Amino acid sequence: MQYQKIAIYFNFYKTTLLINGAVSFAVSMFFFSFLHFAFALISVGFLMALFYKELTKQQEYYFYYNAGISKINLILVSFVFNLALAILLIFISALCKT
């Protein structure tokens, strides 16, 4: 049962990743910095992906609710996934500079 919920959280995260990555990439190209990509991944890109999901995929939240997962939990777990990815990218960026 626990593995099913993790898979559901990860499925929601995957649906936000494309828009999040595209917006974060655009921000990083504007500033010409890999570090800005990591910070945009947890801020601007994440918010834009959630905004897109709210506008276009409102009915999908019923699936997650029926699985026993609230919208707040989906957003928090997705933020934690993004935060872990951003921290990993920041460490990689720091290692490449030295």
Foldseek 3Di string as FASTA:
>chain_A
DVVVLVVVLVVLLVQLVVQLQVVLVVQCVVVVDLLSSLVSSLPVSLVVSVVVCVVPVVVVQVVVVVVVHHPVNSSVVSNVVSNVVSVVSVVVVVVVVD
